[in-house]
N, C-alpha and C. Protein backbone atom coordinates (compact mmCIF):
# COMPACT_ATOMS: atom_id res chain seq x y z
N MET A 1 0.83 -1.18 0.00
CA MET A 1 0.00 0.00 0.00
C MET A 1 0.88 1.25 0.00
N ARG A 2 0.65 2.12 -0.93
CA ARG A 2 1.43 3.34 -1.05
C ARG A 2 0.83 4.43 -0.16
N LEU A 3 1.70 5.04 0.64
CA LEU A 3 1.23 6.11 1.50
C LEU A 3 1.17 7.41 0.71
N ASN A 4 0.23 8.25 1.06
CA ASN A 4 0.06 9.48 0.29
C ASN A 4 1.17 10.48 0.56
N ASP A 5 1.32 11.42 -0.36
CA ASP A 5 2.37 12.42 -0.26
C ASP A 5 2.20 13.35 0.94
N GLU A 6 0.97 13.55 1.39
CA GLU A 6 0.73 14.42 2.55
C GLU A 6 1.37 13.83 3.81
N THR A 7 1.30 12.53 3.95
CA THR A 7 1.93 11.88 5.10
C THR A 7 3.43 12.09 5.05
N LEU A 8 4.02 11.89 3.90
CA LEU A 8 5.46 12.06 3.73
C LEU A 8 5.87 13.51 4.01
N LYS A 9 5.14 14.45 3.48
CA LYS A 9 5.43 15.87 3.71
C LYS A 9 5.33 16.21 5.19
N SER A 10 4.32 15.70 5.85
CA SER A 10 4.14 15.97 7.28
C SER A 10 5.27 15.37 8.10
N LEU A 11 5.69 14.18 7.74
CA LEU A 11 6.82 13.55 8.44
C LEU A 11 8.08 14.38 8.28
N LEU A 12 8.40 14.74 7.05
CA LEU A 12 9.64 15.45 6.78
C LEU A 12 9.65 16.87 7.35
N SER A 13 8.49 17.48 7.47
CA SER A 13 8.42 18.84 8.00
C SER A 13 8.27 18.86 9.52
N GLY A 14 8.08 17.69 10.13
CA GLY A 14 7.91 17.62 11.58
C GLY A 14 6.52 17.99 12.06
N GLU A 15 5.57 17.99 11.14
CA GLU A 15 4.18 18.29 11.50
C GLU A 15 3.47 16.98 11.85
N TYR A 16 3.89 16.39 12.95
CA TYR A 16 3.46 15.05 13.31
C TYR A 16 1.99 14.97 13.70
N ALA A 17 1.41 16.06 14.15
CA ALA A 17 0.00 16.06 14.55
C ALA A 17 -0.93 15.77 13.37
N LYS A 18 -0.44 15.96 12.16
CA LYS A 18 -1.24 15.71 10.96
C LYS A 18 -1.23 14.24 10.54
N ILE A 19 -0.47 13.43 11.26
CA ILE A 19 -0.27 12.03 10.89
C ILE A 19 -0.98 11.14 11.89
N LYS A 20 -1.48 10.03 11.42
CA LYS A 20 -2.05 9.02 12.31
C LYS A 20 -0.93 8.05 12.69
N PRO A 21 -0.98 7.49 13.90
CA PRO A 21 0.07 6.55 14.30
C PRO A 21 0.28 5.41 13.30
N LYS A 22 -0.80 4.91 12.73
CA LYS A 22 -0.69 3.81 11.77
C LYS A 22 0.15 4.22 10.55
N GLN A 23 0.01 5.46 10.12
CA GLN A 23 0.80 5.95 8.98
C GLN A 23 2.27 6.06 9.35
N ALA A 24 2.55 6.58 10.53
CA ALA A 24 3.94 6.71 10.99
C ALA A 24 4.56 5.33 11.14
N PHE A 25 3.82 4.39 11.67
CA PHE A 25 4.30 3.02 11.89
C PHE A 25 4.86 2.43 10.59
N ARG A 26 4.17 2.65 9.51
CA ARG A 26 4.59 2.08 8.23
C ARG A 26 5.97 2.57 7.80
N TYR A 27 6.28 3.80 8.14
CA TYR A 27 7.57 4.36 7.74
C TYR A 27 8.74 3.81 8.56
N LEU A 28 8.47 3.10 9.64
CA LEU A 28 9.55 2.44 10.39
C LEU A 28 10.21 1.35 9.55
N TYR A 29 9.51 0.89 8.52
CA TYR A 29 10.02 -0.14 7.61
C TYR A 29 10.69 0.45 6.37
N SER A 30 10.73 1.77 6.27
CA SER A 30 11.21 2.44 5.06
C SER A 30 12.66 2.06 4.75
N SER A 31 12.97 2.04 3.47
CA SER A 31 14.35 1.81 3.05
C SER A 31 15.18 3.09 3.23
N GLU A 32 14.51 4.22 3.43
CA GLU A 32 15.20 5.50 3.65
C GLU A 32 15.34 5.74 5.15
N GLU A 33 16.57 5.80 5.59
CA GLU A 33 16.86 5.90 7.01
C GLU A 33 16.27 7.16 7.65
N LEU A 34 16.32 8.28 6.95
CA LEU A 34 15.76 9.51 7.50
C LEU A 34 14.28 9.34 7.84
N LEU A 35 13.55 8.64 6.99
CA LEU A 35 12.13 8.42 7.23
C LEU A 35 11.89 7.55 8.46
N ARG A 36 12.79 6.62 8.73
CA ARG A 36 12.67 5.80 9.94
C ARG A 36 12.80 6.66 11.19
N PHE A 37 13.79 7.56 11.18
CA PHE A 37 13.98 8.45 12.32
C PHE A 37 12.78 9.38 12.51
N LYS A 38 12.27 9.93 11.41
CA LYS A 38 11.13 10.85 11.50
C LYS A 38 9.87 10.11 11.96
N ALA A 39 9.68 8.90 11.47
CA ALA A 39 8.52 8.11 11.89
C ALA A 39 8.60 7.79 13.39
N ALA A 40 9.79 7.48 13.86
CA ALA A 40 9.97 7.20 15.29
C ALA A 40 9.66 8.43 16.13
N GLU A 41 10.14 9.59 15.68
CA GLU A 41 9.84 10.83 16.41
C GLU A 41 8.34 11.09 16.44
N ALA A 42 7.70 10.86 15.30
CA ALA A 42 6.24 11.05 15.23
C ALA A 42 5.53 10.13 16.21
N LEU A 43 5.92 8.88 16.25
CA LEU A 43 5.29 7.93 17.18
C LEU A 43 5.54 8.33 18.63
N GLY A 44 6.70 8.88 18.90
CA GLY A 44 6.98 9.34 20.25
C GLY A 44 5.97 10.36 20.73
N ILE A 45 5.50 11.15 19.82
CA ILE A 45 4.50 12.18 20.15
C ILE A 45 3.08 11.62 20.07
N LEU A 46 2.82 10.83 19.03
CA LEU A 46 1.45 10.36 18.79
C LEU A 46 1.01 9.21 19.70
N ALA A 47 1.95 8.49 20.27
CA ALA A 47 1.61 7.29 21.05
C ALA A 47 1.47 7.56 22.54
N LYS A 48 1.34 8.79 22.94
CA LYS A 48 1.27 9.13 24.36
C LYS A 48 0.15 8.43 25.12
N SER A 49 -1.03 8.36 24.54
CA SER A 49 -2.17 7.81 25.28
C SER A 49 -2.11 6.30 25.42
N ASN A 50 -1.36 5.64 24.59
CA ASN A 50 -1.30 4.18 24.62
C ASN A 50 0.15 3.70 24.53
N ALA A 51 1.05 4.42 25.17
CA ALA A 51 2.48 4.19 25.02
C ALA A 51 2.91 2.77 25.36
N ARG A 52 2.41 2.24 26.45
CA ARG A 52 2.82 0.88 26.87
C ARG A 52 2.49 -0.15 25.80
N ASN A 53 1.30 -0.08 25.24
CA ASN A 53 0.91 -1.04 24.20
C ASN A 53 1.75 -0.89 22.94
N TYR A 54 2.08 0.36 22.59
CA TYR A 54 2.93 0.57 21.41
C TYR A 54 4.33 -0.02 21.64
N ILE A 55 4.88 0.20 22.81
CA ILE A 55 6.21 -0.34 23.12
C ILE A 55 6.18 -1.86 23.07
N LEU A 56 5.16 -2.48 23.66
CA LEU A 56 5.05 -3.94 23.62
C LEU A 56 4.95 -4.44 22.18
N ARG A 57 4.16 -3.77 21.37
CA ARG A 57 4.02 -4.17 19.96
C ARG A 57 5.36 -4.05 19.23
N LEU A 58 6.11 -2.99 19.49
CA LEU A 58 7.39 -2.78 18.82
C LEU A 58 8.41 -3.85 19.23
N PHE A 59 8.43 -4.22 20.50
CA PHE A 59 9.31 -5.31 20.93
C PHE A 59 8.92 -6.61 20.21
N TRP A 60 7.63 -6.83 20.08
CA TRP A 60 7.16 -8.03 19.40
C TRP A 60 7.62 -8.02 17.93
N LEU A 61 7.56 -6.87 17.29
CA LEU A 61 7.98 -6.77 15.89
C LEU A 61 9.47 -7.04 15.70
N LEU A 62 10.25 -6.89 16.76
CA LEU A 62 11.68 -7.19 16.67
C LEU A 62 11.95 -8.69 16.70
N SER A 63 10.98 -9.45 17.13
CA SER A 63 11.18 -10.90 17.20
C SER A 63 10.20 -11.64 16.30
N ASP A 64 9.53 -10.92 15.43
CA ASP A 64 8.53 -11.52 14.54
C ASP A 64 9.22 -12.46 13.56
N GLU A 65 8.84 -13.71 13.58
CA GLU A 65 9.46 -14.73 12.72
C GLU A 65 8.78 -14.84 11.37
N SER A 66 7.77 -14.03 11.13
CA SER A 66 7.05 -14.12 9.86
C SER A 66 7.76 -13.37 8.74
N GLY A 67 8.86 -12.72 9.07
CA GLY A 67 9.57 -11.95 8.07
C GLY A 67 9.19 -10.49 8.08
N ALA A 68 8.37 -10.09 9.03
CA ALA A 68 7.92 -8.71 9.11
C ALA A 68 8.79 -7.91 10.08
N TYR A 69 10.05 -8.28 10.19
CA TYR A 69 10.98 -7.61 11.09
C TYR A 69 10.97 -6.10 10.83
N CYS A 70 10.87 -5.33 11.88
CA CYS A 70 10.76 -3.87 11.78
C CYS A 70 12.09 -3.22 12.17
N ILE A 71 12.86 -2.81 11.18
CA ILE A 71 14.19 -2.25 11.43
C ILE A 71 14.14 -0.99 12.29
N GLY A 72 13.11 -0.19 12.15
CA GLY A 72 13.00 1.06 12.90
C GLY A 72 12.40 0.93 14.29
N ALA A 73 12.06 -0.28 14.70
CA ALA A 73 11.42 -0.47 16.01
C ALA A 73 12.24 0.07 17.17
N PRO A 74 13.57 -0.15 17.23
CA PRO A 74 14.32 0.41 18.37
C PRO A 74 14.23 1.94 18.44
N LEU A 75 14.22 2.59 17.29
CA LEU A 75 14.09 4.05 17.28
C LEU A 75 12.75 4.48 17.87
N ALA A 76 11.70 3.79 17.47
CA ALA A 76 10.36 4.14 17.95
C ALA A 76 10.20 3.84 19.44
N ILE A 77 10.73 2.72 19.89
CA ILE A 77 10.68 2.39 21.32
C ILE A 77 11.36 3.51 22.11
N ALA A 78 12.52 3.94 21.64
CA ALA A 78 13.27 4.99 22.34
C ALA A 78 12.51 6.31 22.37
N GLU A 79 11.92 6.69 21.25
CA GLU A 79 11.20 7.97 21.21
C GLU A 79 9.93 7.93 22.04
N ILE A 80 9.22 6.82 22.00
CA ILE A 80 8.03 6.69 22.85
C ILE A 80 8.46 6.72 24.32
N GLY A 81 9.55 6.03 24.62
CA GLY A 81 10.08 6.02 25.99
C GLY A 81 10.52 7.39 26.46
N ARG A 82 11.15 8.13 25.57
CA ARG A 82 11.61 9.48 25.91
C ARG A 82 10.43 10.39 26.27
N ASN A 83 9.32 10.22 25.60
CA ASN A 83 8.15 11.03 25.87
C ASN A 83 7.25 10.47 26.97
N ASN A 84 7.58 9.27 27.43
CA ASN A 84 6.81 8.60 28.49
C ASN A 84 7.78 7.91 29.45
N PRO A 85 8.63 8.68 30.14
CA PRO A 85 9.68 8.07 30.97
C PRO A 85 9.16 7.16 32.08
N ASP A 86 8.01 7.45 32.63
CA ASP A 86 7.48 6.58 33.69
C ASP A 86 7.16 5.18 33.15
N ILE A 87 6.63 5.13 31.95
CA ILE A 87 6.31 3.84 31.33
C ILE A 87 7.59 3.15 30.87
N PHE A 88 8.54 3.91 30.34
CA PHE A 88 9.78 3.33 29.82
C PHE A 88 10.64 2.71 30.91
N GLN A 89 10.50 3.18 32.14
CA GLN A 89 11.29 2.63 33.25
C GLN A 89 11.23 1.11 33.29
N SER A 90 10.06 0.54 33.06
CA SER A 90 9.92 -0.92 33.15
C SER A 90 10.49 -1.64 31.92
N PHE A 91 10.83 -0.89 30.88
CA PHE A 91 11.38 -1.49 29.66
C PHE A 91 12.86 -1.17 29.45
N LYS A 92 13.43 -0.32 30.29
CA LYS A 92 14.77 0.20 30.00
C LYS A 92 15.84 -0.89 29.94
N LEU A 93 15.78 -1.89 30.79
CA LEU A 93 16.80 -2.94 30.74
C LEU A 93 16.57 -3.88 29.55
N LYS A 94 15.33 -4.17 29.26
CA LYS A 94 15.03 -4.99 28.08
C LYS A 94 15.55 -4.29 26.82
N PHE A 95 15.35 -2.98 26.76
CA PHE A 95 15.84 -2.21 25.62
C PHE A 95 17.37 -2.20 25.59
N LEU A 96 18.00 -1.97 26.73
CA LEU A 96 19.46 -1.95 26.82
C LEU A 96 20.05 -3.26 26.30
N TYR A 97 19.45 -4.37 26.68
CA TYR A 97 20.02 -5.66 26.29
C TYR A 97 19.67 -6.09 24.87
N LEU A 98 18.97 -5.23 24.15
CA LEU A 98 18.85 -5.44 22.70
C LEU A 98 20.22 -5.32 22.05
N LEU A 99 21.15 -4.67 22.73
CA LEU A 99 22.52 -4.55 22.22
C LEU A 99 23.16 -5.91 21.99
N GLU A 100 22.71 -6.91 22.70
CA GLU A 100 23.28 -8.25 22.57
C GLU A 100 22.61 -9.07 21.48
N ASN A 101 21.57 -8.52 20.87
CA ASN A 101 20.84 -9.22 19.81
C ASN A 101 21.46 -8.87 18.46
N GLU A 102 22.04 -9.85 17.80
CA GLU A 102 22.73 -9.62 16.53
C GLU A 102 21.79 -9.25 15.40
N GLU A 103 20.51 -9.55 15.54
CA GLU A 103 19.56 -9.29 14.46
C GLU A 103 19.00 -7.87 14.49
N VAL A 104 19.21 -7.16 15.58
CA VAL A 104 18.67 -5.81 15.75
C VAL A 104 19.71 -4.81 15.23
N GLU A 105 19.24 -3.71 14.68
CA GLU A 105 20.14 -2.62 14.27
C GLU A 105 20.68 -1.97 15.54
N ARG A 106 21.87 -2.40 15.94
CA ARG A 106 22.43 -1.99 17.23
C ARG A 106 22.69 -0.49 17.31
N SER A 107 23.04 0.13 16.20
CA SER A 107 23.28 1.58 16.26
C SER A 107 22.00 2.31 16.65
N TYR A 108 20.84 1.77 16.29
CA TYR A 108 19.56 2.38 16.68
C TYR A 108 19.31 2.21 18.17
N VAL A 109 19.75 1.10 18.73
CA VAL A 109 19.60 0.89 20.17
C VAL A 109 20.49 1.88 20.92
N VAL A 110 21.72 2.06 20.45
CA VAL A 110 22.62 3.01 21.10
C VAL A 110 22.07 4.43 20.99
N TYR A 111 21.54 4.75 19.83
CA TYR A 111 20.90 6.05 19.66
C TYR A 111 19.76 6.22 20.67
N GLY A 112 18.99 5.18 20.87
CA GLY A 112 17.90 5.21 21.83
C GLY A 112 18.38 5.40 23.26
N ILE A 113 19.52 4.80 23.59
CA ILE A 113 20.10 4.99 24.93
C ILE A 113 20.55 6.44 25.08
N PHE A 114 21.14 6.99 24.03
CA PHE A 114 21.51 8.40 24.03
C PHE A 114 20.28 9.28 24.27
N ARG A 115 19.22 9.01 23.55
CA ARG A 115 17.99 9.82 23.66
C ARG A 115 17.36 9.71 25.05
N ASN A 116 17.59 8.60 25.73
CA ASN A 116 17.02 8.35 27.05
C ASN A 116 18.10 8.33 28.13
N SER A 117 19.16 9.08 27.93
CA SER A 117 20.31 9.01 28.83
C SER A 117 19.96 9.31 30.29
N GLU A 118 19.02 10.19 30.52
CA GLU A 118 18.63 10.50 31.90
C GLU A 118 18.09 9.25 32.61
N ILE A 119 17.39 8.43 31.90
CA ILE A 119 16.82 7.20 32.46
C ILE A 119 17.92 6.17 32.72
N TYR A 120 18.98 6.20 31.91
CA TYR A 120 20.04 5.19 32.02
C TYR A 120 21.16 5.56 32.99
N LYS A 121 21.14 6.76 33.52
CA LYS A 121 22.17 7.13 34.51
C LYS A 121 22.02 6.23 35.72
N GLY A 122 23.18 5.72 36.20
CA GLY A 122 23.17 4.85 37.37
C GLY A 122 22.89 3.39 37.06
N THR A 123 22.78 3.05 35.77
CA THR A 123 22.61 1.64 35.38
C THR A 123 23.91 1.14 34.77
N GLU A 124 23.91 -0.08 34.30
CA GLU A 124 25.10 -0.65 33.67
C GLU A 124 25.25 -0.24 32.20
N ALA A 125 24.44 0.70 31.74
CA ALA A 125 24.45 1.11 30.33
C ALA A 125 25.81 1.60 29.88
N LYS A 126 26.44 2.50 30.63
CA LYS A 126 27.73 3.06 30.24
C LYS A 126 28.78 1.96 30.12
N THR A 127 28.82 1.06 31.09
CA THR A 127 29.80 -0.03 31.07
C THR A 127 29.58 -0.94 29.87
N LEU A 128 28.33 -1.30 29.60
CA LEU A 128 28.03 -2.16 28.46
C LEU A 128 28.38 -1.47 27.14
N LEU A 129 28.06 -0.20 27.02
CA LEU A 129 28.39 0.54 25.80
C LEU A 129 29.90 0.63 25.59
N GLU A 130 30.64 0.89 26.65
CA GLU A 130 32.10 0.96 26.54
C GLU A 130 32.68 -0.38 26.10
N LYS A 131 32.16 -1.44 26.67
CA LYS A 131 32.63 -2.79 26.31
C LYS A 131 32.36 -3.08 24.84
N MET A 132 31.16 -2.76 24.38
CA MET A 132 30.80 -3.04 22.99
C MET A 132 31.53 -2.12 22.02
N ALA A 133 31.71 -0.86 22.40
CA ALA A 133 32.44 0.08 21.53
C ALA A 133 33.89 -0.33 21.35
N SER A 134 34.45 -1.01 22.33
CA SER A 134 35.84 -1.47 22.20
C SER A 134 35.97 -2.62 21.20
N LYS A 135 34.87 -3.32 20.93
CA LYS A 135 34.89 -4.47 20.02
C LYS A 135 34.43 -4.12 18.61
N PHE A 136 33.53 -3.16 18.48
CA PHE A 136 32.90 -2.89 17.19
C PHE A 136 33.69 -1.86 16.39
N ARG A 137 33.57 -1.97 15.06
CA ARG A 137 34.22 -1.02 14.16
C ARG A 137 33.22 -0.17 13.40
N ASP A 138 31.96 -0.56 13.44
CA ASP A 138 30.93 0.16 12.71
C ASP A 138 30.94 1.63 13.13
N GLN A 139 31.15 2.52 12.18
CA GLN A 139 31.30 3.94 12.46
C GLN A 139 30.06 4.57 13.10
N LYS A 140 28.90 4.18 12.62
CA LYS A 140 27.66 4.73 13.18
C LYS A 140 27.47 4.26 14.62
N PHE A 141 27.75 3.00 14.87
CA PHE A 141 27.65 2.47 16.23
C PHE A 141 28.60 3.23 17.15
N LEU A 142 29.82 3.45 16.70
CA LEU A 142 30.80 4.17 17.51
C LEU A 142 30.38 5.61 17.77
N ALA A 143 29.85 6.27 16.74
CA ALA A 143 29.44 7.68 16.91
C ALA A 143 28.31 7.80 17.92
N TYR A 144 27.28 6.99 17.77
CA TYR A 144 26.17 7.06 18.72
C TYR A 144 26.61 6.60 20.11
N SER A 145 27.55 5.66 20.17
CA SER A 145 28.08 5.22 21.47
C SER A 145 28.80 6.37 22.15
N ALA A 146 29.61 7.11 21.39
CA ALA A 146 30.33 8.25 21.98
C ALA A 146 29.33 9.27 22.53
N MET A 147 28.28 9.54 21.78
CA MET A 147 27.27 10.49 22.24
C MET A 147 26.59 10.00 23.52
N ALA A 148 26.23 8.72 23.54
CA ALA A 148 25.54 8.16 24.71
C ALA A 148 26.46 8.10 25.93
N ILE A 149 27.68 7.61 25.73
CA ILE A 149 28.62 7.49 26.85
C ILE A 149 28.92 8.87 27.43
N TRP A 150 29.10 9.86 26.57
CA TRP A 150 29.35 11.22 27.05
C TRP A 150 28.18 11.71 27.89
N LYS A 151 26.94 11.48 27.40
CA LYS A 151 25.76 11.91 28.15
C LYS A 151 25.65 11.17 29.48
N LEU A 152 26.23 9.98 29.55
CA LEU A 152 26.20 9.19 30.78
C LEU A 152 27.40 9.49 31.68
N GLY A 153 28.23 10.47 31.28
CA GLY A 153 29.34 10.90 32.12
C GLY A 153 30.65 10.20 31.87
N GLY A 154 30.79 9.52 30.75
CA GLY A 154 32.01 8.79 30.45
C GLY A 154 32.98 9.55 29.55
N GLU A 155 34.18 9.04 29.45
CA GLU A 155 35.24 9.57 28.60
C GLU A 155 35.10 8.94 27.21
N VAL A 156 35.16 9.75 26.17
CA VAL A 156 34.92 9.24 24.82
C VAL A 156 36.05 9.48 23.83
N SER A 157 37.17 10.06 24.26
CA SER A 157 38.27 10.34 23.34
C SER A 157 38.72 9.10 22.58
N TRP A 158 38.80 7.99 23.27
CA TRP A 158 39.27 6.75 22.66
C TRP A 158 38.33 6.26 21.57
N ILE A 159 37.07 6.59 21.66
CA ILE A 159 36.11 6.21 20.62
C ILE A 159 36.22 7.19 19.45
N LEU A 160 36.29 8.47 19.74
CA LEU A 160 36.37 9.49 18.70
C LEU A 160 37.60 9.30 17.81
N GLU A 161 38.68 8.81 18.38
CA GLU A 161 39.90 8.54 17.61
C GLU A 161 39.69 7.47 16.55
N ARG A 162 38.71 6.63 16.76
CA ARG A 162 38.44 5.51 15.83
C ARG A 162 37.43 5.88 14.75
N ILE A 163 36.88 7.09 14.81
CA ILE A 163 35.88 7.50 13.83
C ILE A 163 36.56 8.29 12.72
N SER A 164 36.49 7.75 11.51
CA SER A 164 37.10 8.43 10.37
C SER A 164 36.08 9.26 9.59
N LYS A 165 34.93 8.68 9.33
CA LYS A 165 33.88 9.37 8.58
C LYS A 165 32.57 8.65 8.85
N VAL A 166 31.55 9.41 9.23
CA VAL A 166 30.27 8.79 9.57
C VAL A 166 29.13 9.76 9.28
N GLN A 167 28.00 9.21 8.91
CA GLN A 167 26.78 10.00 8.76
C GLN A 167 25.86 9.64 9.91
N ILE A 168 25.49 10.67 10.69
CA ILE A 168 24.59 10.44 11.82
C ILE A 168 23.42 11.40 11.76
N TYR A 169 22.36 11.02 12.42
CA TYR A 169 21.16 11.85 12.51
C TYR A 169 21.37 12.86 13.63
N ASP A 170 21.15 14.13 13.34
CA ASP A 170 21.38 15.18 14.34
C ASP A 170 20.10 15.79 14.90
N GLY A 171 18.97 15.13 14.66
CA GLY A 171 17.69 15.64 15.13
C GLY A 171 16.89 16.33 14.05
N LYS A 172 17.55 16.58 12.93
CA LYS A 172 16.87 17.21 11.80
C LYS A 172 17.14 16.47 10.51
N ASP A 173 18.40 16.13 10.32
CA ASP A 173 18.84 15.50 9.07
C ASP A 173 20.11 14.70 9.36
N PHE A 174 20.67 14.13 8.33
CA PHE A 174 21.93 13.42 8.49
C PHE A 174 23.08 14.36 8.20
N VAL A 175 24.09 14.30 9.05
CA VAL A 175 25.30 15.09 8.86
C VAL A 175 26.48 14.14 8.76
N GLU A 176 27.45 14.53 7.96
CA GLU A 176 28.66 13.71 7.81
C GLU A 176 29.78 14.34 8.63
N LEU A 177 30.39 13.53 9.47
CA LEU A 177 31.41 14.02 10.40
C LEU A 177 32.58 13.05 10.47
N ASP A 178 33.71 13.57 10.94
CA ASP A 178 34.81 12.71 11.35
C ASP A 178 34.85 12.78 12.88
N GLY A 179 35.85 12.17 13.49
CA GLY A 179 35.94 12.17 14.96
C GLY A 179 36.04 13.56 15.54
N ARG A 180 36.76 14.46 14.86
CA ARG A 180 36.92 15.83 15.35
C ARG A 180 35.58 16.57 15.30
N GLY A 181 34.87 16.42 14.20
CA GLY A 181 33.56 17.07 14.08
C GLY A 181 32.57 16.58 15.12
N LEU A 182 32.61 15.28 15.39
CA LEU A 182 31.72 14.73 16.40
C LEU A 182 32.10 15.25 17.79
N ARG A 183 33.41 15.38 18.03
CA ARG A 183 33.86 15.93 19.32
C ARG A 183 33.29 17.35 19.51
N GLU A 184 33.33 18.16 18.44
CA GLU A 184 32.79 19.52 18.53
C GLU A 184 31.29 19.50 18.85
N LEU A 185 30.56 18.59 18.20
CA LEU A 185 29.15 18.47 18.51
C LEU A 185 28.92 18.10 19.96
N ILE A 186 29.67 17.13 20.43
CA ILE A 186 29.52 16.65 21.79
C ILE A 186 29.89 17.74 22.81
N GLU A 187 31.04 18.37 22.62
CA GLU A 187 31.50 19.37 23.58
C GLU A 187 30.62 20.61 23.61
N ARG A 188 30.09 20.99 22.47
CA ARG A 188 29.25 22.18 22.41
C ARG A 188 27.77 21.84 22.53
N GLU A 189 27.48 20.54 22.70
CA GLU A 189 26.11 20.05 22.83
C GLU A 189 25.25 20.59 21.69
N LEU A 190 25.74 20.42 20.47
CA LEU A 190 25.04 20.91 19.30
C LEU A 190 24.01 19.92 18.78
N PHE A 191 23.80 18.83 19.49
CA PHE A 191 22.80 17.87 19.08
C PHE A 191 21.70 17.83 20.13
N TYR A 192 20.50 17.91 19.68
CA TYR A 192 19.33 17.74 20.56
C TYR A 192 19.34 18.55 21.83
N PRO A 193 18.17 18.81 22.34
CA PRO A 193 18.06 19.47 23.66
C PRO A 193 18.34 18.48 24.77
């Protein structure tokens, strides 16, 4: 089923109130990464009244064996959690340990930890992220790990040294950075409120 252009325009412009949750949900499967991020942000706003059920459904979609695996589910779980921290508290460890699932887009999980860093302070999140960042080479995973670890009060120089070139979502669009550029973003807090 093809979604109409109005839905796409509303997603890209951030006019999420014009979208129905069902329409945003479909874009979590998009082949365009920007649309996955925008759909997740939309769901974070639109799913307020039924946040717990949406989070449960998204976790289920990550383990769906029918082939309907939802690549953008971690992003949506994180955004719904960010807008509903009381509800997300009971899911925060389950979400954190998605990092150990090889089938999940781990960079999206790390991004979600970054977005919910206040909830993860005082947990084992920083230690787990540092351990995984020392093993992984994926540039996007490392970039989002540096952002999350920094927000959790950790040292990130050793990660930034390993970043040569990466495209990351900055809350509006994708930006291309090297380790130095990411350091500037982190130090000046030029990403997200």
